Amino acid sequence: MIRANDKLRKKLYIIIFRSDTKAGKSFDVLLLILILLSILSVFLESVGSVRERYYHIIHILEWVFTFLFTIEYLLRIYASHKPLRYIFSFYGIVDLIAFMPTYLSLFFIGTQYLIVVRAFRLLRVFRILKLTRFLYEGNILKSALRASLYKIVMFLSSVITLVTIIGTLMYIIEGEKSGFTSIPMSIYWAIVTITTVGYGDISPQSPLGQILASILMVIGYGIIAVPTGIVSVEMSKATEAAKTKCPNCYAGLHNEKDRFCSNCGHQMKK
């Protein structure tokens, strides 16, 4: 009996967690379709005319999706070699969020709780995070952002310092008569200006203020290119590093000529 359970668990693990088999690929495709359909149902429910006409159908479909995602979550726990590690992992938490809001809505019955129920039901849109396990390129982007995090933080710190100084100067120059009623409001104007958004709700009226605004606008064009360059360089490095990793389990290869992954046995593309 124990051996039969181990055999079943091993088979489920191959189907659910690995995509290098026909059954595993079919499971991933089916799961991907269910995720997209469930997200589509959330979007349709937010449209008033569709909700009034097809609410009962959408409601039934939502419970079908919830039931299927619940089964998937329980099977992942059962098939996992380390269940607790999966439960508290990023994907484990995402899988839990995928179906929990529907169950939580059962505990908030009554007119006074309609807003809370609506908020819980909207949380279902986080199922889109379940798509990340299907994006190999997403891991390259994640690596690039992680590698450039320190540089971007330093860059943003410099930008915050700059807009704080410029905003304060503009408050001194223009004052409340031009709409710069406070330093926070002036800093808001500086952020809108340096990002080249330009709402136009506040604008300098004096010549000195306009000169300062012009300088900030020119600086804004240069600032936009800095984080793009940082991430682009790291993206290039991450892409090169990913060439020596397995696209299935992301384990490092011994060398670039390996035909199969030493960790999961996945066949490598040339």
C-alpha atoms as a PDB file:
ATOM      1  CA  MET A   1       0.000   0.000   0.000  1.00  0.00           C
ATOM      2  CA  ILE A   2       2.812   2.376   0.915  1.00  0.00           C
ATOM      3  CA  ARG A   3       4.664   1.505  -2.269  1.00  0.00           C
ATOM      4  CA  ALA A   4       1.521   2.173  -4.326  1.00  0.00           C
ATOM      5  CA  ASN A   5       1.154   5.604  -2.676  1.00  0.00           C
ATOM      6  CA  ASP A   6       4.801   6.442  -3.378  1.00  0.00           C
ATOM      7  CA  LYS A   7       4.362   5.382  -6.987  1.00  0.00           C
ATOM      8  CA  LEU A   8       1.250   7.546  -7.349  1.00  0.00           C
ATOM      9  CA  ARG A   9       2.978  10.510  -5.707  1.00  0.00           C
ATOM     10  CA  LYS A  10       5.982  10.169  -8.000  1.00  0.00           C
ATOM     11  CA  LYS A  11       3.734  10.000 -11.065  1.00  0.00           C
ATOM     12  CA  LEU A  12       1.795  13.080  -9.949  1.00  0.00           C
ATOM     13  CA  TYR A  13       5.047  14.942  -9.300  1.00  0.00           C
ATOM     14  CA  ILE A  14       6.229  14.262 -12.860  1.00  0.00           C
ATOM     15  CA  ILE A  15       2.909  15.446 -14.308  1.00  0.00           C
ATOM     16  CA  ILE A  16       2.456  18.543 -12.122  1.00  0.00           C
ATOM     17  CA  PHE A  17       5.970  19.861 -11.509  1.00  0.00           C
ATOM     18  CA  ARG A  18       7.819  18.806 -14.654  1.00  0.00           C
ATOM     19  CA  SER A  19       7.139  19.874 -18.215  1.00  0.00           C
ATOM     20  CA  ASP A  20       9.588  17.593 -20.022  1.00  0.00           C
ATOM     21  CA  THR A  21       6.993  14.833 -20.490  1.00  0.00           C
ATOM     22  CA  LYS A  22       3.876  14.628 -22.662  1.00  0.00           C
ATOM     23  CA  ALA A  23       1.615  14.411 -19.609  1.00  0.00           C
ATOM     24  CA  GLY A  24       3.420  17.330 -17.944  1.00  0.00           C
ATOM     25  CA  LYS A  25       3.078  19.529 -21.027  1.00  0.00           C
ATOM     26  CA  SER A  26      -0.618  18.644 -21.350  1.00  0.00           C
ATOM     27  CA  PHE A  27      -1.158  19.543 -17.679  1.00  0.00           C
ATOM     28  CA  ASP A  28       0.585  22.890 -18.127  1.00  0.00           C
ATOM     29  CA  VAL A  29      -1.472  23.722 -21.232  1.00  0.00           C
ATOM     30  CA  LEU A  30      -4.723  22.800 -19.461  1.00  0.00           C
ATOM     31  CA  LEU A  31      -3.765  24.854 -16.405  1.00  0.00           C
ATOM     32  CA  LEU A  32      -2.833  27.813 -18.601  1.00  0.00           C
ATOM     33  CA  ILE A  33      -6.244  27.695 -20.318  1.00  0.00           C
ATOM     34  CA  LEU A  34      -8.056  27.536 -16.959  1.00  0.00           C
ATOM     35  CA  ILE A  35      -6.108  30.527 -15.639  1.00  0.00           C
ATOM     36  CA  LEU A  36      -6.887  32.639 -18.703  1.00  0.00           C
ATOM     37  CA  LEU A  37     -10.583  31.692 -18.618  1.00  0.00           C
ATOM     38  CA  SER A  38     -10.844  32.483 -14.895  1.00  0.00           C
ATOM     39  CA  ILE A  39      -9.236  35.895 -15.401  1.00  0.00           C
ATOM     40  CA  LEU A  40     -11.587  36.543 -18.321  1.00  0.00           C
ATOM     41  CA  SER A  41     -14.576  35.770 -16.073  1.00  0.00           C
ATOM     42  CA  VAL A  42     -13.347  38.361 -13.543  1.00  0.00           C
ATOM     43  CA  PHE A  43     -13.055  40.969 -16.295  1.00  0.00           C
ATOM     44  CA  LEU A  44     -16.537  40.183 -17.658  1.00  0.00           C
ATOM     45  CA  GLU A  45     -18.064  40.360 -14.183  1.00  0.00           C
ATOM     46  CA  SER A  46     -16.812  43.932 -13.857  1.00  0.00           C
ATOM     47  CA  VAL A  47     -18.842  44.980 -16.934  1.00  0.00           C
ATOM     48  CA  GLY A  48     -22.282  46.041 -15.697  1.00  0.00           C
ATOM     49  CA  SER A  49     -24.341  44.910 -18.720  1.00  0.00           C
ATOM     50  CA  VAL A  50     -22.619  41.511 -18.868  1.00  0.00           C
ATOM     51  CA  ARG A  51     -22.924  41.003 -15.113  1.00  0.00           C
ATOM     52  CA  GLU A  52     -26.682  41.713 -15.111  1.00  0.00           C
ATOM     53  CA  ARG A  53     -27.355  39.350 -18.008  1.00  0.00           C
ATOM     54  CA  TYR A  54     -24.960  36.468 -17.328  1.00  0.00           C
ATOM     55  CA  TYR A  55     -24.302  36.712 -13.588  1.00  0.00           C
ATOM     56  CA  HIS A  56     -25.529  33.202 -12.792  1.00  0.00           C
ATOM     57  CA  ILE A  57     -23.372  31.645 -15.525  1.00  0.00           C
ATOM     58  CA  ILE A  58     -20.299  33.601 -14.388  1.00  0.00           C
ATOM     59  CA  HIS A  59     -21.027  32.661 -10.777  1.00  0.00           C
ATOM     60  CA  ILE A  60     -21.202  28.940 -11.642  1.00  0.00           C
ATOM     61  CA  LEU A  61     -18.031  29.132 -13.715  1.00  0.00           C
ATOM     62  CA  GLU A  62     -16.233  30.870 -10.865  1.00  0.00           C
ATOM     63  CA  TRP A  63     -17.038  28.014  -8.493  1.00  0.00           C
ATOM     64  CA  VAL A  64     -15.925  25.495 -11.123  1.00  0.00           C
ATOM     65  CA  PHE A  65     -12.597  27.324 -11.466  1.00  0.00           C
ATOM     66  CA  THR A  66     -12.277  27.562  -7.689  1.00  0.00           C
ATOM     67  CA  PHE A  67     -12.920  23.844  -7.292  1.00  0.00           C
ATOM     68  CA  LEU A  68     -10.360  22.938  -9.968  1.00  0.00           C
ATOM     69  CA  PHE A  69      -7.688  25.273  -8.548  1.00  0.00           C
ATOM     70  CA  THR A  70      -8.329  23.843  -5.075  1.00  0.00           C
ATOM     71  CA  ILE A  71      -7.757  20.310  -6.375  1.00  0.00           C
ATOM     72  CA  GLU A  72      -4.579  21.474  -8.132  1.00  0.00           C
ATOM     73  CA  TYR A  73      -3.281  23.066  -4.921  1.00  0.00           C
ATOM     74  CA  LEU A  74      -3.964  19.943  -2.847  1.00  0.00           C
ATOM     75  CA  LEU A  75      -2.342  17.719  -5.471  1.00  0.00           C
ATOM     76  CA  ARG A  76       0.749  19.915  -5.503  1.00  0.00           C
ATOM     77  CA  ILE A  77       1.024  19.571  -1.710  1.00  0.00           C
ATOM     78  CA  TYR A  78       0.525  15.804  -1.916  1.00  0.00           C
ATOM     79  CA  ALA A  79       3.022  15.288  -4.757  1.00  0.00           C
ATOM     80  CA  SER A  80       5.678  17.682  -3.433  1.00  0.00           C
ATOM     81  CA  HIS A  81       8.774  16.160  -1.828  1.00  0.00           C
ATOM     82  CA  LYS A  82       8.743  18.990   0.727  1.00  0.00           C
ATOM     83  CA  PRO A  83       5.110  20.130   1.198  1.00  0.00           C
ATOM     84  CA  LEU A  84       5.853  22.923   3.688  1.00  0.00           C
ATOM     85  CA  ARG A  85       8.507  24.356   1.393  1.00  0.00           C
ATOM     86  CA  TYR A  86       5.974  24.506  -1.436  1.00  0.00           C
ATOM     87  CA  ILE A  87       3.197  25.967   0.752  1.00  0.00           C
ATOM     88  CA  PHE A  88       5.343  28.917   1.872  1.00  0.00           C
ATOM     89  CA  SER A  89       7.041  29.424  -1.485  1.00  0.00           C
ATOM     90  CA  PHE A  90       6.081  32.235  -3.883  1.00  0.00           C
ATOM     91  CA  TYR A  91       4.146  29.916  -6.189  1.00  0.00           C
ATOM     92  CA  GLY A  92       2.506  28.170  -3.235  1.00  0.00           C
ATOM     93  CA  ILE A  93       1.157  31.480  -1.910  1.00  0.00           C
ATOM     94  CA  VAL A  94       0.015  32.497  -5.405  1.00  0.00           C
ATOM     95  CA  ASP A  95      -1.799  29.180  -5.854  1.00  0.00           C
ATOM     96  CA  LEU A  96      -3.531  29.717  -2.508  1.00  0.00           C
ATOM     97  CA  ILE A  97      -4.597  33.256  -3.436  1.00  0.00           C
ATOM     98  CA  ALA A  98      -6.039  31.859  -6.676  1.00  0.00           C
ATOM     99  CA  PHE A  99      -8.997  30.221  -4.945  1.00  0.00           C
ATOM    100  CA  MET A 100      -9.194  31.596  -1.383  1.00  0.00           C
ATOM    101  CA  PRO A 101     -11.107  34.844  -2.204  1.00  0.00           C
ATOM    102  CA  THR A 102     -14.110  32.860  -3.420  1.00  0.00           C
ATOM    103  CA  TYR A 103     -14.260  30.880  -0.169  1.00  0.00           C
ATOM    104  CA  LEU A 104     -13.772  34.037   1.907  1.00  0.00           C
ATOM    105  CA  SER A 105     -16.782  35.638   0.225  1.00  0.00           C
ATOM    106  CA  LEU A 106     -18.991  32.981   1.857  1.00  0.00           C
ATOM    107  CA  PHE A 107     -18.258  34.408   5.303  1.00  0.00           C
ATOM    108  CA  PHE A 108     -19.452  37.926   4.432  1.00  0.00           C
ATOM    109  CA  ILE A 109     -23.175  37.579   3.839  1.00  0.00           C
ATOM    110  CA  GLY A 110     -25.335  40.662   4.313  1.00  0.00           C
ATOM    111  CA  THR A 111     -25.945  44.075   2.808  1.00  0.00           C
ATOM    112  CA  GLN A 112     -23.462  45.825   5.049  1.00  0.00           C
ATOM    113  CA  TYR A 113     -20.661  43.610   3.802  1.00  0.00           C
ATOM    114  CA  LEU A 114     -21.275  43.871   0.056  1.00  0.00           C
ATOM    115  CA  ILE A 115     -18.259  46.144  -0.450  1.00  0.00           C
ATOM    116  CA  VAL A 116     -15.983  43.737   1.414  1.00  0.00           C
ATOM    117  CA  VAL A 117     -17.271  40.789  -0.630  1.00  0.00           C
ATOM    118  CA  ARG A 118     -16.659  42.727  -3.818  1.00  0.00           C
ATOM    119  CA  ALA A 119     -13.086  43.459  -2.734  1.00  0.00           C
ATOM    120  CA  PHE A 120     -12.415  39.784  -2.001  1.00  0.00           C
ATOM    121  CA  ARG A 121     -13.842  38.729  -5.345  1.00  0.00           C
ATOM    122  CA  LEU A 122     -11.668  41.214  -7.195  1.00  0.00           C
ATOM    123  CA  LEU A 123      -8.610  39.612  -5.598  1.00  0.00           C
ATOM    124  CA  ARG A 124      -9.138  36.726  -7.998  1.00  0.00           C
ATOM    125  CA  VAL A 125      -7.369  38.776 -10.644  1.00  0.00           C
ATOM    126  CA  PHE A 126      -4.121  37.811  -8.872  1.00  0.00           C
ATOM    127  CA  ARG A 127      -4.470  34.478 -10.624  1.00  0.00           C
ATOM    128  CA  ILE A 128      -2.551  36.191 -13.383  1.00  0.00           C
ATOM    129  CA  LEU A 129       0.531  35.672 -11.194  1.00  0.00           C
ATOM    130  CA  LYS A 130       0.133  31.935 -11.800  1.00  0.00           C
ATOM    131  CA  LEU A 131       1.166  32.614 -15.389  1.00  0.00           C
ATOM    132  CA  THR A 132       4.708  33.428 -14.276  1.00  0.00           C
ATOM    133  CA  ARG A 133       5.667  29.768 -13.999  1.00  0.00           C
ATOM    134  CA  PHE A 134       5.165  29.461 -17.762  1.00  0.00           C
ATOM    135  CA  LEU A 135       7.433  32.368 -18.694  1.00  0.00           C
ATOM    136  CA  TYR A 136      11.046  31.337 -19.115  1.00  0.00           C
ATOM    137  CA  GLU A 137      11.946  34.845 -20.283  1.00  0.00           C
ATOM    138  CA  GLY A 138      10.355  36.193 -17.120  1.00  0.00           C
ATOM    139  CA  ASN A 139      13.115  34.593 -15.087  1.00  0.00           C
ATOM    140  CA  ILE A 140      15.692  36.420 -17.199  1.00  0.00           C
ATOM    141  CA  LEU A 141      13.907  39.716 -16.508  1.00  0.00           C
ATOM    142  CA  LYS A 142      13.726  38.894 -12.796  1.00  0.00           C
ATOM    143  CA  SER A 143      17.471  38.209 -12.716  1.00  0.00           C
ATOM    144  CA  ALA A 144      18.197  41.462 -14.540  1.00  0.00           C
ATOM    145  CA  LEU A 145      16.025  43.533 -12.183  1.00  0.00           C
ATOM    146  CA  ARG A 146      17.571  41.866  -9.147  1.00  0.00           C
ATOM    147  CA  ALA A 147      21.094  42.571 -10.411  1.00  0.00           C
ATOM    148  CA  SER A 148      20.290  46.226 -11.175  1.00  0.00           C
ATOM    149  CA  LEU A 149      18.293  46.838  -7.984  1.00  0.00           C
ATOM    150  CA  TYR A 150      21.112  48.592  -6.099  1.00  0.00           C
ATOM    151  CA  LYS A 151      21.896  50.902  -9.020  1.00  0.00           C
ATOM    152  CA  ILE A 152      18.239  51.762  -9.568  1.00  0.00           C
ATOM    153  CA  VAL A 153      17.719  52.466  -5.846  1.00  0.00           C
ATOM    154  CA  MET A 154      20.680  54.841  -5.845  1.00  0.00           C
ATOM    155  CA  PHE A 155      19.390  56.484  -9.010  1.00  0.00           C
ATOM    156  CA  LEU A 156      15.890  56.948  -7.551  1.00  0.00           C
ATOM    157  CA  SER A 157      17.405  58.351  -4.361  1.00  0.00           C
ATOM    158  CA  SER A 158      19.205  60.972  -6.441  1.00  0.00           C
ATOM    159  CA  VAL A 159      15.994  61.810  -8.305  1.00  0.00           C
ATOM    160  CA  ILE A 160      14.054  62.165  -5.036  1.00  0.00           C
ATOM    161  CA  THR A 161      16.745  64.488  -3.696  1.00  0.00           C
ATOM    162  CA  LEU A 162      16.623  66.555  -6.878  1.00  0.00           C
ATOM    163  CA  VAL A 163      12.827  66.967  -6.958  1.00  0.00           C
ATOM    164  CA  THR A 164      12.832  67.844  -3.256  1.00  0.00           C
ATOM    165  CA  ILE A 165      15.341  70.659  -3.818  1.00  0.00           C
ATOM    166  CA  ILE A 166      13.663  71.929  -6.992  1.00  0.00           C
ATOM    167  CA  GLY A 167      10.216  71.736  -5.387  1.00  0.00           C
ATOM    168  CA  THR A 168      11.352  73.729  -2.395  1.00  0.00           C
ATOM    169  CA  LEU A 169      12.960  76.374  -4.608  1.00  0.00           C
ATOM    170  CA  MET A 170       9.789  76.632  -6.687  1.00  0.00           C
ATOM    171  CA  TYR A 171       7.713  77.097  -3.540  1.00  0.00           C
ATOM    172  CA  ILE A 172       9.992  79.970  -2.532  1.00  0.00           C
ATOM    173  CA  ILE A 173       9.979  81.537  -5.994  1.00  0.00           C
ATOM    174  CA  GLU A 174       6.288  81.169  -6.941  1.00  0.00           C
ATOM    175  CA  GLY A 175       4.441  80.905  -3.643  1.00  0.00           C
ATOM    176  CA  GLU A 176       0.758  80.259  -3.048  1.00  0.00           C
ATOM    177  CA  LYS A 177      -0.459  82.817  -5.573  1.00  0.00           C
ATOM    178  CA  SER A 178       0.691  80.578  -8.454  1.00  0.00           C
ATOM    179  CA  GLY A 179      -0.776  77.396  -7.022  1.00  0.00           C
ATOM    180  CA  PHE A 180       2.328  76.203  -5.141  1.00  0.00           C
ATOM    181  CA  THR A 181       0.457  76.143  -1.839  1.00  0.00           C
ATOM    182  CA  SER A 182       2.972  73.964   0.022  1.00  0.00           C
ATOM    183  CA  ILE A 183       6.322  72.234  -0.360  1.00  0.00           C
ATOM    184  CA  PRO A 184       4.689  68.788  -0.894  1.00  0.00           C
ATOM    185  CA  MET A 185       2.536  70.318  -3.654  1.00  0.00           C
ATOM    186  CA  SER A 186       5.655  71.862  -5.200  1.00  0.00           C
ATOM    187  CA  ILE A 187       7.463  68.502  -5.032  1.00  0.00           C
ATOM    188  CA  TYR A 188       4.443  66.911  -6.761  1.00  0.00           C
ATOM    189  CA  TRP A 189       4.822  69.499  -9.545  1.00  0.00           C
ATOM    190  CA  ALA A 190       8.548  68.721  -9.803  1.00  0.00           C
ATOM    191  CA  ILE A 191       7.847  64.960 -10.134  1.00  0.00           C
ATOM    192  CA  VAL A 192       5.215  65.567 -12.831  1.00  0.00           C
ATOM    193  CA  THR A 193       7.620  67.835 -14.692  1.00  0.00           C
ATOM    194  CA  ILE A 194      10.769  65.711 -14.451  1.00  0.00           C
ATOM    195  CA  THR A 195       8.887  62.623 -15.672  1.00  0.00           C
ATOM    196  CA  THR A 196       7.654  64.659 -18.679  1.00  0.00           C
ATOM    197  CA  VAL A 197       4.018  63.889 -17.767  1.00  0.00           C
ATOM    198  CA  GLY A 198       2.996  67.545 -17.533  1.00  0.00           C
ATOM    199  CA  TYR A 199      -0.599  67.597 -16.261  1.00  0.00           C
ATOM    200  CA  GLY A 200      -0.654  71.378 -16.354  1.00  0.00           C
ATOM    201  CA  ASP A 201      -2.704  71.729 -13.171  1.00  0.00           C
ATOM    202  CA  ILE A 202       0.124  73.801 -11.667  1.00  0.00           C
ATOM    203  CA  SER A 203       2.542  75.952 -13.644  1.00  0.00           C
ATOM    204  CA  PRO A 204       5.093  78.658 -12.796  1.00  0.00           C
ATOM    205  CA  GLN A 205       4.148  82.242 -13.677  1.00  0.00           C
ATOM    206  CA  SER A 206       7.321  84.220 -12.958  1.00  0.00           C
ATOM    207  CA  PRO A 207      10.294  84.309 -15.394  1.00  0.00           C
ATOM    208  CA  LEU A 208      12.632  82.797 -12.791  1.00  0.00           C
ATOM    209  CA  GLY A 209      10.174  79.974 -12.110  1.00  0.00           C
ATOM    210  CA  GLN A 210       9.810  79.263 -15.833  1.00  0.00           C
ATOM    211  CA  ILE A 211      13.587  79.110 -16.239  1.00  0.00           C
ATOM    212  CA  LEU A 212      13.825  76.623 -13.360  1.00  0.00           C
ATOM    213  CA  ALA A 213      11.007  74.581 -14.905  1.00  0.00           C
ATOM    214  CA  SER A 214      12.782  74.548 -18.278  1.00  0.00           C
ATOM    215  CA  ILE A 215      15.966  73.259 -16.679  1.00  0.00           C
ATOM    216  CA  LEU A 216      13.990  70.509 -14.929  1.00  0.00           C
ATOM    217  CA  MET A 217      12.304  69.507 -18.204  1.00  0.00           C
ATOM    218  CA  VAL A 218      15.656  69.115 -19.965  1.00  0.00           C
ATOM    219  CA  ILE A 219      16.996  67.076 -17.039  1.00  0.00           C
ATOM    220  CA  GLY A 220      13.890  64.886 -17.270  1.00  0.00           C
ATOM    221  CA  TYR A 221      14.719  63.705 -20.791  1.00  0.00           C
ATOM    222  CA  GLY A 222      18.170  62.606 -19.664  1.00  0.00           C
ATOM    223  CA  ILE A 223      16.879  60.921 -16.517  1.00  0.00           C
ATOM    224  CA  ILE A 224      14.463  58.671 -18.430  1.00  0.00           C
ATOM    225  CA  ALA A 225      17.360  57.023 -20.278  1.00  0.00           C
ATOM    226  CA  VAL A 226      19.369  56.133 -17.167  1.00  0.00           C
ATOM    227  CA  PRO A 227      17.249  53.269 -15.708  1.00  0.00           C
ATOM    228  CA  THR A 228      16.641  51.954 -19.232  1.00  0.00           C
ATOM    229  CA  GLY A 229      20.379  51.677 -19.802  1.00  0.00           C
ATOM    230  CA  ILE A 230      20.982  50.013 -16.436  1.00  0.00           C
ATOM    231  CA  VAL A 231      18.316  47.351 -16.990  1.00  0.00           C
ATOM    232  CA  SER A 232      19.372  46.798 -20.621  1.00  0.00           C
ATOM    233  CA  VAL A 233      22.939  45.983 -19.596  1.00  0.00           C
ATOM    234  CA  GLU A 234      21.772  43.589 -16.898  1.00  0.00           C
ATOM    235  CA  MET A 235      19.274  42.011 -19.314  1.00  0.00           C
ATOM    236  CA  SER A 236      22.126  41.288 -21.710  1.00  0.00           C
ATOM    237  CA  LYS A 237      24.161  39.695 -18.924  1.00  0.00           C
ATOM    238  CA  ALA A 238      21.198  37.658 -17.679  1.00  0.00           C
ATOM    239  CA  THR A 239      20.424  36.433 -21.197  1.00  0.00           C
ATOM    240  CA  GLU A 240      23.982  35.215 -21.650  1.00  0.00           C
ATOM    241  CA  ALA A 241      23.898  33.521 -18.250  1.00  0.00           C
ATOM    242  CA  ALA A 242      20.569  31.830 -19.064  1.00  0.00           C
ATOM    243  CA  LYS A 243      22.125  30.116 -22.057  1.00  0.00           C
ATOM    244  CA  THR A 244      24.045  27.881 -19.670  1.00  0.00           C
ATOM    245  CA  LYS A 245      20.945  27.005 -17.598  1.00  0.00           C
ATOM    246  CA  CYS A 246      18.242  24.407 -18.125  1.00  0.00           C
ATOM    247  CA  PRO A 247      14.990  26.038 -19.370  1.00  0.00           C
ATOM    248  CA  ASN A 248      12.983  23.425 -17.448  1.00  0.00           C
ATOM    249  CA  CYS A 249      14.472  23.435 -13.936  1.00  0.00           C
ATOM    250  CA  TYR A 250      16.922  26.408 -14.319  1.00  0.00           C
ATOM    251  CA  ALA A 251      19.811  24.344 -12.981  1.00  0.00           C
ATOM    252  CA  GLY A 252      23.302  25.305 -14.149  1.00  0.00           C
ATOM    253  CA  LEU A 253      24.846  23.120 -16.834  1.00  0.00           C
ATOM    254  CA  HIS A 254      28.361  21.717 -16.738  1.00  0.00           C
ATOM    255  CA  ASN A 255      29.182  23.326 -20.078  1.00  0.00           C
ATOM    256  CA  GLU A 256      27.446  24.764 -23.131  1.00  0.00           C
ATOM    257  CA  LYS A 257      27.832  21.508 -25.094  1.00  0.00           C
ATOM    258  CA  ASP A 258      25.644  19.465 -22.739  1.00  0.00           C
ATOM    259  CA  ARG A 259      22.765  17.847 -24.637  1.00  0.00           C
ATOM    260  CA  PHE A 260      20.772  16.967 -21.519  1.00  0.00           C
ATOM    261  CA  CYS A 261      20.347  18.604 -18.125  1.00  0.00           C
ATOM    262  CA  SER A 262      22.165  16.727 -15.380  1.00  0.00           C
ATOM    263  CA  ASN A 263      19.443  17.665 -12.887  1.00  0.00           C
ATOM    264  CA  CYS A 264      16.158  16.816 -14.640  1.00  0.00           C
ATOM    265  CA  GLY A 265      17.251  15.198 -17.916  1.00  0.00           C
ATOM    266  CA  HIS A 266      15.579  17.828 -20.094  1.00  0.00           C
ATOM    267  CA  GLN A 267      16.901  17.876 -23.673  1.00  0.00           C
ATOM    268  CA  MET A 268      18.715  21.106 -24.404  1.00  0.00           C
ATOM    269  CA  LYS A 269      18.171  23.099 -27.570  1.00  0.00           C
ATOM    270  CA  LYS A 270      21.173  23.939 -29.694  1.00  0.00           C
END
